PDB file of N, CA and C in Angstrom:
ATOM      1  N   MET A   1       5.108  -1.114 -12.136  1.00  0.00           N
ATOM      2  CA  MET A   1       4.329  -1.290 -10.520  1.00  0.00           C
ATOM      3  C   MET A   1       5.541  -1.789  -9.675  1.00  0.00           C
ATOM      4  N   PRO A   2       6.258  -0.624  -9.406  1.00  0.00           N
ATOM      5  CA  PRO A   2       7.041  -0.603  -7.785  1.00  0.00           C
ATOM      6  C   PRO A   2       6.158  -1.596  -6.607  1.00  0.00           C
ATOM      7  N   GLU A   3       6.880  -2.494  -6.472  1.00  0.00           N
ATOM      8  CA  GLU A   3       6.499  -3.275  -5.060  1.00  0.00           C
ATOM      9  C   GLU A   3       7.362  -2.908  -3.738  1.00  0.00           C
ATOM     10  N   VAL A   4       6.597  -2.091  -2.971  1.00  0.00           N
ATOM     11  CA  VAL A   4       7.104  -1.252  -2.253  1.00  0.00           C
ATOM     12  C   VAL A   4       7.484  -2.779  -0.367  1.00  0.00           C
ATOM     13  N   SER A   5       6.710  -3.406  -0.387  1.00  0.00           N
ATOM     14  CA  SER A   5       6.242  -4.669   0.483  1.00  0.00           C
ATOM     15  C   SER A   5       6.054  -6.065  -0.020  1.00  0.00           C
ATOM     16  N   ARG A   6       6.219  -6.795   0.999  1.00  0.00           N
ATOM     17  CA  ARG A   6       5.696  -8.148   1.271  1.00  0.00           C
ATOM     18  C   ARG A   6       5.717  -8.716   2.083  1.00  0.00           C
ATOM     19  N   PHE A   7       4.472  -9.229   2.718  1.00  0.00           N
ATOM     20  CA  PHE A   7       4.171 -10.197   4.268  1.00  0.00           C
ATOM     21  C   PHE A   7       2.994 -10.921   4.285  1.00  0.00           C
ATOM     22  N   PHE A   8       3.674 -12.529   4.452  1.00  0.00           N
ATOM     23  CA  PHE A   8       1.819 -13.334   4.398  1.00  0.00           C
ATOM     24  C   PHE A   8       1.703 -13.694   3.860  1.00  0.00           C
ATOM     25  N   GLY A   9       2.257 -13.335   1.926  1.00  0.00           N
ATOM     26  CA  GLY A   9       1.609 -13.670   0.648  1.00  0.00           C
ATOM     27  C   GLY A   9       0.840 -12.244   0.570  1.00  0.00           C
ATOM     28  N   ILE A  10       0.683 -11.304   0.623  1.00  0.00           N
ATOM     29  CA  ILE A  10       0.711  -9.985   0.436  1.00  0.00           C
ATOM     30  C   ILE A  10       1.497  -9.032   0.173  1.00  0.00           C
ATOM     31  N   LEU A  11       1.275  -8.301  -1.322  1.00  0.00           N
ATOM     32  CA  LEU A  11       2.349  -7.213  -1.712  1.00  0.00           C
ATOM     33  C   LEU A  11       1.420  -6.200  -1.809  1.00  0.00           C
ATOM     34  N   ILE A  12       2.553  -5.653  -1.827  1.00  0.00           N
ATOM     35  CA  ILE A  12       2.320  -3.857  -1.510  1.00  0.00           C
ATOM     36  C   ILE A  12       2.617  -3.277  -2.976  1.00  0.00           C
ATOM     37  N   ARG A  13       2.309  -2.458  -3.632  1.00  0.00           N
ATOM     38  CA  ARG A  13       2.273  -1.854  -4.625  1.00  0.00           C
ATOM     39  C   ARG A  13       1.896  -0.482  -4.974  1.00  0.00           C
ATOM     40  N   MET A  14       3.009   0.431  -5.266  1.00  0.00           N
ATOM     41  CA  MET A  14       2.429   1.510  -5.977  1.00  0.00           C
ATOM     42  C   MET A  14       2.607   1.741  -7.215  1.00  0.00           C
ATOM     43  N   TYR A  15       2.131   2.635  -7.423  1.00  0.00           N
ATOM     44  CA  TYR A  15       2.207   3.245  -8.672  1.00  0.00           C
ATOM     45  C   TYR A  15       2.607   4.626  -9.181  1.00  0.00           C
ATOM     46  N   PHE A  16       3.711   4.758 -10.511  1.00  0.00           N
ATOM     47  CA  PHE A  16       4.245   6.190 -10.897  1.00  0.00           C
ATOM     48  C   PHE A  16       2.799   6.953 -10.731  1.00  0.00           C
ATOM     49  N   ASP A  17       1.858   6.749 -11.544  1.00  0.00           N
ATOM     50  CA  ASP A  17       0.998   7.789 -12.642  1.00  0.00           C
ATOM     51  C   ASP A  17      -0.544   7.551 -11.751  1.00  0.00           C
ATOM     52  N   GLU A  18      -0.527   7.361 -10.627  1.00  0.00           N
ATOM     53  CA  GLU A  18      -2.282   7.183 -10.024  1.00  0.00           C
ATOM     54  C   GLU A  18      -2.369   8.712  -9.305  1.00  0.00           C
ATOM     55  N   HIS A  19      -3.750   8.630  -9.126  1.00  0.00           N
ATOM     56  CA  HIS A  19      -4.499   9.436  -8.944  1.00  0.00           C
ATOM     57  C   HIS A  19      -4.818   9.614  -7.608  1.00  0.00           C
ATOM     58  N   ASP A  20      -5.057  11.275  -7.224  1.00  0.00           N
ATOM     59  CA  ASP A  20      -5.493  11.064  -5.732  1.00  0.00           C
ATOM     60  C   ASP A  20      -6.517  10.736  -5.177  1.00  0.00           C
ATOM     61  N   PRO A  21      -6.795  10.430  -4.284  1.00  0.00           N
ATOM     62  CA  PRO A  21      -6.161  10.498  -3.025  1.00  0.00           C
ATOM     63  C   PRO A  21      -4.795   9.586  -2.949  1.00  0.00           C
ATOM     64  N   PRO A  22      -4.043   9.816  -2.230  1.00  0.00           N
ATOM     65  CA  PRO A  22      -2.691   9.085  -2.003  1.00  0.00           C
ATOM     66  C   PRO A  22      -2.817   8.178  -0.961  1.00  0.00           C
ATOM     67  N   HIS A  23      -2.759   6.164  -2.151  1.00  0.00           N
ATOM     68  CA  HIS A  23      -3.253   5.131  -1.657  1.00  0.00           C
ATOM     69  C   HIS A  23      -2.448   4.317  -1.988  1.00  0.00           C
ATOM     70  N   PHE A  24      -2.336   3.035  -1.699  1.00  0.00           N
ATOM     71  CA  PHE A  24      -1.388   2.354  -2.178  1.00  0.00           C
ATOM     72  C   PHE A  24      -2.442   0.559  -2.531  1.00  0.00           C
ATOM     73  N   HIS A  25      -1.597  -0.228  -3.664  1.00  0.00           N
ATOM     74  CA  HIS A  25      -2.453  -1.163  -4.011  1.00  0.00           C
ATOM     75  C   HIS A  25      -2.232  -2.133  -2.940  1.00  0.00           C
ATOM     76  N   ALA A  26      -2.964  -3.016  -2.520  1.00  0.00           N
ATOM     77  CA  ALA A  26      -2.721  -4.567  -1.343  1.00  0.00           C
ATOM     78  C   ALA A  26      -2.707  -5.778  -2.340  1.00  0.00           C
ATOM     79  N   ILE A  27      -2.122  -6.865  -3.116  1.00  0.00           N
ATOM     80  CA  ILE A  27      -2.629  -7.839  -4.017  1.00  0.00           C
ATOM     81  C   ILE A  27      -2.557  -9.001  -2.819  1.00  0.00           C
ATOM     82  N   TYR A  28      -3.486 -10.195  -2.695  1.00  0.00           N
ATOM     83  CA  TYR A  28      -3.331 -11.298  -2.209  1.00  0.00           C
ATOM     84  C   TYR A  28      -4.258 -12.302  -2.863  1.00  0.00           C
ATOM     85  N   GLY A  29      -3.343 -13.133  -3.934  1.00  0.00           N
ATOM     86  CA  GLY A  29      -3.284 -13.871  -4.567  1.00  0.00           C
ATOM     87  C   GLY A  29      -4.093 -13.140  -6.029  1.00  0.00           C
ATOM     88  N   ASP A  30      -5.478 -13.847  -6.291  1.00  0.00           N
ATOM     89  CA  ASP A  30      -6.505 -13.019  -7.584  1.00  0.00           C
ATOM     90  C   ASP A  30      -7.287 -11.556  -6.817  1.00  0.00           C
ATOM     91  N   MET A  31      -7.004 -11.385  -5.650  1.00  0.00           N
ATOM     92  CA  MET A  31      -7.521 -10.266  -5.463  1.00  0.00           C
ATOM     93  C   MET A  31      -6.790  -8.720  -4.920  1.00  0.00           C
ATOM     94  N   GLU A  32      -7.588  -7.839  -5.195  1.00  0.00           N
ATOM     95  CA  GLU A  32      -6.856  -6.400  -4.825  1.00  0.00           C
ATOM     96  C   GLU A  32      -7.365  -5.362  -4.127  1.00  0.00           C
ATOM     97  N   ALA A  33      -6.673  -4.457  -3.374  1.00  0.00           N
ATOM     98  CA  ALA A  33      -7.740  -3.629  -2.899  1.00  0.00           C
ATOM     99  C   ALA A  33      -6.627  -2.220  -2.694  1.00  0.00           C
ATOM    100  N   GLN A  34      -7.596  -1.076  -2.922  1.00  0.00           N
ATOM    101  CA  GLN A  34      -6.579   0.433  -2.811  1.00  0.00           C
ATOM    102  C   GLN A  34      -7.160   0.837  -1.381  1.00  0.00           C
ATOM    103  N   ILE A  35      -5.756   0.911  -0.889  1.00  0.00           N
ATOM    104  CA  ILE A  35      -6.154   1.455   0.440  1.00  0.00           C
ATOM    105  C   ILE A  35      -5.788   3.172   0.618  1.00  0.00           C
ATOM    106  N   ALA A  36      -6.178   3.911   1.191  1.00  0.00           N
ATOM    107  CA  ALA A  36      -5.829   4.899   1.237  1.00  0.00           C
ATOM    108  C   ALA A  36      -5.324   5.305   2.160  1.00  0.00           C
ATOM    109  N   ILE A  37      -3.920   6.576   2.241  1.00  0.00           N
ATOM    110  CA  ILE A  37      -3.224   6.262   3.256  1.00  0.00           C
ATOM    111  C   ILE A  37      -3.158   7.228   4.429  1.00  0.00           C
ATOM    112  N   GLU A  38      -4.144   8.197   3.920  1.00  0.00           N
ATOM    113  CA  GLU A  38      -4.390   9.195   5.105  1.00  0.00           C
ATOM    114  C   GLU A  38      -5.936   9.841   4.779  1.00  0.00           C
ATOM    115  N   PRO A  39      -6.791   9.637   5.671  1.00  0.00           N
ATOM    116  CA  PRO A  39      -6.771   8.519   6.866  1.00  0.00           C
ATOM    117  C   PRO A  39      -6.741   6.807   6.071  1.00  0.00           C
ATOM    118  N   ILE A  40      -5.949   6.219   6.985  1.00  0.00           N
ATOM    119  CA  ILE A  40      -6.084   4.735   6.248  1.00  0.00           C
ATOM    120  C   ILE A  40      -7.358   4.376   6.286  1.00  0.00           C
ATOM    121  N   HIS A  41      -7.666   3.961   5.084  1.00  0.00           N
ATOM    122  CA  HIS A  41      -9.021   3.227   4.561  1.00  0.00           C
ATOM    123  C   HIS A  41      -9.593   2.518   3.408  1.00  0.00           C
ATOM    124  N   LEU A  42     -10.024   1.564   3.420  1.00  0.00           N
ATOM    125  CA  LEU A  42     -10.784   0.880   2.045  1.00  0.00           C
ATOM    126  C   LEU A  42     -11.387   1.650   0.842  1.00  0.00           C
ATOM    127  N   LEU A  43     -10.450   2.184   0.201  1.00  0.00           N
ATOM    128  CA  LEU A  43     -11.136   2.934  -1.173  1.00  0.00           C
ATOM    129  C   LEU A  43     -11.743   2.128  -2.161  1.00  0.00           C
ATOM    130  N   ARG A  44     -11.399   1.258  -3.157  1.00  0.00           N
ATOM    131  CA  ARG A  44     -12.278  -0.057  -3.502  1.00  0.00           C
ATOM    132  C   ARG A  44     -11.603  -1.615  -3.135  1.00  0.00           C
ATOM    133  N   GLY A  45     -12.044  -2.503  -4.069  1.00  0.00           N
ATOM    134  CA  GLY A  45     -11.782  -3.947  -3.833  1.00  0.00           C
ATOM    135  C   GLY A  45     -11.857  -4.831  -2.713  1.00  0.00           C
ATOM    136  N   ALA A  46     -11.170  -6.016  -2.671  1.00  0.00           N
ATOM    137  CA  ALA A  46     -12.125  -6.624  -1.399  1.00  0.00           C
ATOM    138  C   ALA A  46     -10.415  -7.413  -1.500  1.00  0.00           C
ATOM    139  N   LEU A  47     -10.327  -7.267   0.313  1.00  0.00           N
ATOM    140  CA  LEU A  47      -9.370  -8.924   0.328  1.00  0.00           C
ATOM    141  C   LEU A  47      -9.947  -9.942   1.398  1.00  0.00           C
ATOM    142  N   PRO A  48      -9.515 -10.977   2.020  1.00  0.00           N
ATOM    143  CA  PRO A  48      -9.709 -11.215   3.376  1.00  0.00           C
ATOM    144  C   PRO A  48      -9.687 -10.720   4.478  1.00  0.00           C
ATOM    145  N   THR A  49     -10.745 -10.947   4.831  1.00  0.00           N
ATOM    146  CA  THR A  49     -11.091 -10.084   6.278  1.00  0.00           C
ATOM    147  C   THR A  49      -9.584  -9.929   6.814  1.00  0.00           C
ATOM    148  N   ARG A  50      -8.879 -11.680   7.588  1.00  0.00           N
ATOM    149  CA  ARG A  50      -7.446 -11.657   7.990  1.00  0.00           C
ATOM    150  C   ARG A  50      -6.626 -10.648   6.857  1.00  0.00           C
ATOM    151  N   ALA A  51      -6.666 -10.533   5.668  1.00  0.00           N
ATOM    152  CA  ALA A  51      -6.007 -10.145   5.168  1.00  0.00           C
ATOM    153  C   ALA A  51      -5.912  -8.687   5.080  1.00  0.00           C
ATOM    154  N   ILE A  52      -7.349  -8.169   4.718  1.00  0.00           N
ATOM    155  CA  ILE A  52      -6.937  -6.714   5.523  1.00  0.00           C
ATOM    156  C   ILE A  52      -7.007  -5.629   6.235  1.00  0.00           C
ATOM    157  N   SER A  53      -7.022  -7.210   7.478  1.00  0.00           N
ATOM    158  CA  SER A  53      -6.486  -6.435   8.596  1.00  0.00           C
ATOM    159  C   SER A  53      -4.706  -5.962   8.975  1.00  0.00           C
ATOM    160  N   MET A  54      -4.579  -7.232   8.538  1.00  0.00           N
ATOM    161  CA  MET A  54      -2.694  -6.982   8.434  1.00  0.00           C
ATOM    162  C   MET A  54      -2.465  -6.044   7.618  1.00  0.00           C
ATOM    163  N   VAL A  55      -2.886  -5.701   6.795  1.00  0.00           N
ATOM    164  CA  VAL A  55      -2.825  -4.391   5.852  1.00  0.00           C
ATOM    165  C   VAL A  55      -3.277  -3.279   6.070  1.00  0.00           C
ATOM    166  N   ILE A  56      -3.911  -3.328   6.955  1.00  0.00           N
ATOM    167  CA  ILE A  56      -4.617  -1.848   7.580  1.00  0.00           C
ATOM    168  C   ILE A  56      -3.814  -1.796   8.915  1.00  0.00           C
ATOM    169  N   GLU A  57      -2.756  -2.737   9.548  1.00  0.00           N
ATOM    170  CA  GLU A  57      -2.048  -2.798  10.650  1.00  0.00           C
ATOM    171  C   GLU A  57      -0.555  -2.051  10.586  1.00  0.00           C
ATOM    172  N   TRP A  58      -0.070  -2.821   9.200  1.00  0.00           N
ATOM    173  CA  TRP A  58       0.935  -2.629   8.907  1.00  0.00           C
ATOM    174  C   TRP A  58       0.906  -1.269   7.974  1.00  0.00           C
ATOM    175  N   ALA A  59       0.288   0.038   7.315  1.00  0.00           N
ATOM    176  CA  ALA A  59      -0.053   0.811   7.188  1.00  0.00           C
ATOM    177  C   ALA A  59       0.062   1.980   8.358  1.00  0.00           C
ATOM    178  N   ALA A  60      -0.957   1.623   9.121  1.00  0.00           N
ATOM    179  CA  ALA A  60      -1.183   2.741  10.267  1.00  0.00           C
ATOM    180  C   ALA A  60       0.819   2.414  11.051  1.00  0.00           C
ATOM    181  N   LEU A  61       1.768   1.741  10.577  1.00  0.00           N
ATOM    182  CA  LEU A  61       3.058   1.134  11.265  1.00  0.00           C
ATOM    183  C   LEU A  61       3.550   2.237  10.901  1.00  0.00           C
ATOM    184  N   HIS A  62       3.595   2.649   9.325  1.00  0.00           N
ATOM    185  CA  HIS A  62       4.949   3.146   8.036  1.00  0.00           C
ATOM    186  C   HIS A  62       3.784   3.631   7.409  1.00  0.00           C
ATOM    187  N   GLN A  63       2.822   4.619   8.132  1.00  0.00           N
ATOM    188  CA  GLN A  63       2.460   5.333   7.427  1.00  0.00           C
ATOM    189  C   GLN A  63       3.068   6.917   6.678  1.00  0.00           C
ATOM    190  N   VAL A  64       3.697   7.069   7.149  1.00  0.00           N
ATOM    191  CA  VAL A  64       4.961   8.227   7.407  1.00  0.00           C
ATOM    192  C   VAL A  64       5.474   8.249   6.024  1.00  0.00           C
ATOM    193  N   GLU A  65       5.747   6.394   6.121  1.00  0.00           N
ATOM    194  CA  GLU A  65       7.154   6.402   5.003  1.00  0.00           C
ATOM    195  C   GLU A  65       5.874   6.105   3.824  1.00  0.00           C
ATOM    196  N   LEU A  66       4.518   5.484   3.701  1.00  0.00           N
ATOM    197  CA  LEU A  66       3.689   5.185   2.450  1.00  0.00           C
ATOM    198  C   LEU A  66       4.090   7.161   1.940  1.00  0.00           C
ATOM    199  N   MET A  67       3.448   7.912   2.445  1.00  0.00           N
ATOM    200  CA  MET A  67       3.208   9.275   2.511  1.00  0.00           C
ATOM    201  C   MET A  67       4.851   9.487   1.409  1.00  0.00           C
ATOM    202  N   ASN A  68       5.860   9.551   2.172  1.00  0.00           N
ATOM    203  CA  ASN A  68       7.055   9.402   1.735  1.00  0.00           C
ATOM    204  C   ASN A  68       6.883   9.064  -0.026  1.00  0.00           C
ATOM    205  N   ASN A  69       6.873   7.571   0.141  1.00  0.00           N
ATOM    206  CA  ASN A  69       6.690   7.116  -1.081  1.00  0.00           C
ATOM    207  C   ASN A  69       5.550   7.709  -2.395  1.00  0.00           C
ATOM    208  N   TRP A  70       4.657   8.011  -1.736  1.00  0.00           N
ATOM    209  CA  TRP A  70       3.172   8.619  -2.705  1.00  0.00           C
ATOM    210  C   TRP A  70       4.479   9.872  -3.127  1.00  0.00           C
ATOM    211  N   GLN A  71       4.656  10.689  -2.261  1.00  0.00           N
ATOM    212  CA  GLN A  71       5.557  12.177  -2.599  1.00  0.00           C
ATOM    213  C   GLN A  71       7.066  11.500  -3.756  1.00  0.00           C
ATOM    214  N   ARG A  72       7.483  11.031  -3.398  1.00  0.00           N
ATOM    215  CA  ARG A  72       8.725  10.528  -4.315  1.00  0.00           C
ATOM    216  C   ARG A  72       8.091   9.533  -5.137  1.00  0.00           C
ATOM    217  N   LEU A  73       6.934   9.008  -5.580  1.00  0.00           N
ATOM    218  CA  LEU A  73       6.420   8.774  -7.011  1.00  0.00           C
ATOM    219  C   LEU A  73       5.927   9.901  -7.616  1.00  0.00           C
ATOM    220  N   ARG A  74       5.421  10.503  -7.106  1.00  0.00           N
ATOM    221  CA  ARG A  74       4.590  11.952  -7.785  1.00  0.00           C
ATOM    222  C   ARG A  74       6.033  12.999  -8.492  1.00  0.00           C
ATOM    223  N   ALA A  75       7.132  12.588  -7.796  1.00  0.00           N
ATOM    224  CA  ALA A  75       8.493  13.513  -8.531  1.00  0.00           C
ATOM    225  C   ALA A  75       9.690  12.627  -9.395  1.00  0.00           C
ATOM    226  N   ASP A  76       8.723  11.207  -9.527  1.00  0.00           N
ATOM    227  CA  ASP A  76       9.550  10.392 -10.507  1.00  0.00           C
ATOM    228  C   ASP A  76      10.529   9.627  -9.941  1.00  0.00           C
ATOM    229  N   GLN A  77      10.589   9.686  -8.721  1.00  0.00           N
ATOM    230  CA  GLN A  77      11.393   8.607  -8.004  1.00  0.00           C
ATOM    231  C   GLN A  77      11.152   7.536  -7.842  1.00  0.00           C
ATOM    232  N   PRO A  78      12.054   6.609  -7.545  1.00  0.00           N
ATOM    233  CA  PRO A  78      11.447   5.338  -7.303  1.00  0.00           C
ATOM    234  C   PRO A  78      11.069   5.321  -6.047  1.00  0.00           C
ATOM    235  N   PRO A  79      10.374   4.286  -5.677  1.00  0.00           N
ATOM    236  CA  PRO A  79       9.972   4.375  -3.959  1.00  0.00           C
ATOM    237  C   PRO A  79      10.652   3.447  -2.948  1.00  0.00           C
ATOM    238  N   ILE A  80      10.870   3.477  -1.976  1.00  0.00           N
ATOM    239  CA  ILE A  80      12.046   3.262  -1.160  1.00  0.00           C
ATOM    240  C   ILE A  80      11.226   1.974  -0.059  1.00  0.00           C
ATOM    241  N   ARG A  81      11.370   0.772   0.069  1.00  0.00           N
ATOM    242  CA  ARG A  81      11.088  -0.758   0.267  1.00  0.00           C
ATOM    243  C   ARG A  81      10.754  -0.631   1.769  1.00  0.00           C
ATOM    244  N   ILE A  82       9.709  -0.982   2.165  1.00  0.00           N
ATOM    245  CA  ILE A  82       9.061  -0.625   3.849  1.00  0.00           C
ATOM    246  C   ILE A  82       9.355  -1.876   4.346  1.00  0.00           C
ATOM    247  N   PRO A  83       9.617  -2.085   6.016  1.00  0.00           N
ATOM    248  CA  PRO A  83       9.698  -3.160   5.556  1.00  0.00           C
ATOM    249  C   PRO A  83       8.705  -4.260   6.212  1.00  0.00           C
ATOM    250  N   PRO A  84       8.413  -5.417   6.182  1.00  0.00           N
ATOM    251  CA  PRO A  84       7.235  -6.103   6.514  1.00  0.00           C
ATOM    252  C   PRO A  84       6.411  -6.207   7.566  1.00  0.00           C
ATOM    253  N   LEU A  85       5.316  -6.880   7.610  1.00  0.00           N
ATOM    254  CA  LEU A  85       4.649  -7.128   8.930  1.00  0.00           C
ATOM    255  C   LEU A  85       5.444  -8.428   9.390  1.00  0.00           C
ATOM    256  N   GLY A  86       5.813  -7.512  10.965  1.00  0.00           N
ATOM    257  CA  GLY A  86       6.133  -8.708  11.466  1.00  0.00           C
ATOM    258  C   GLY A  86       6.005  -9.760  11.780  1.00  0.00           C
TER     259      GLY A  86
END
């Protein structure tokens, strides 16, 4: 499960064998959420309010890179790291 970013204790991962719609996983402690990339929204799971807000903000800033990584993973290529939320 490739890690594409990490910030404020939140891990962002994307998996090689995932199902549509395009999404990523945000992990914070023992909590996990799946976030759709286009449009950006919570698919399933949960994170604390502050953590989910940061994840949504980060995803909005890097939506194009997230979609590129989704396409790379579908083509059996490794994802490219995305800068953390500053």
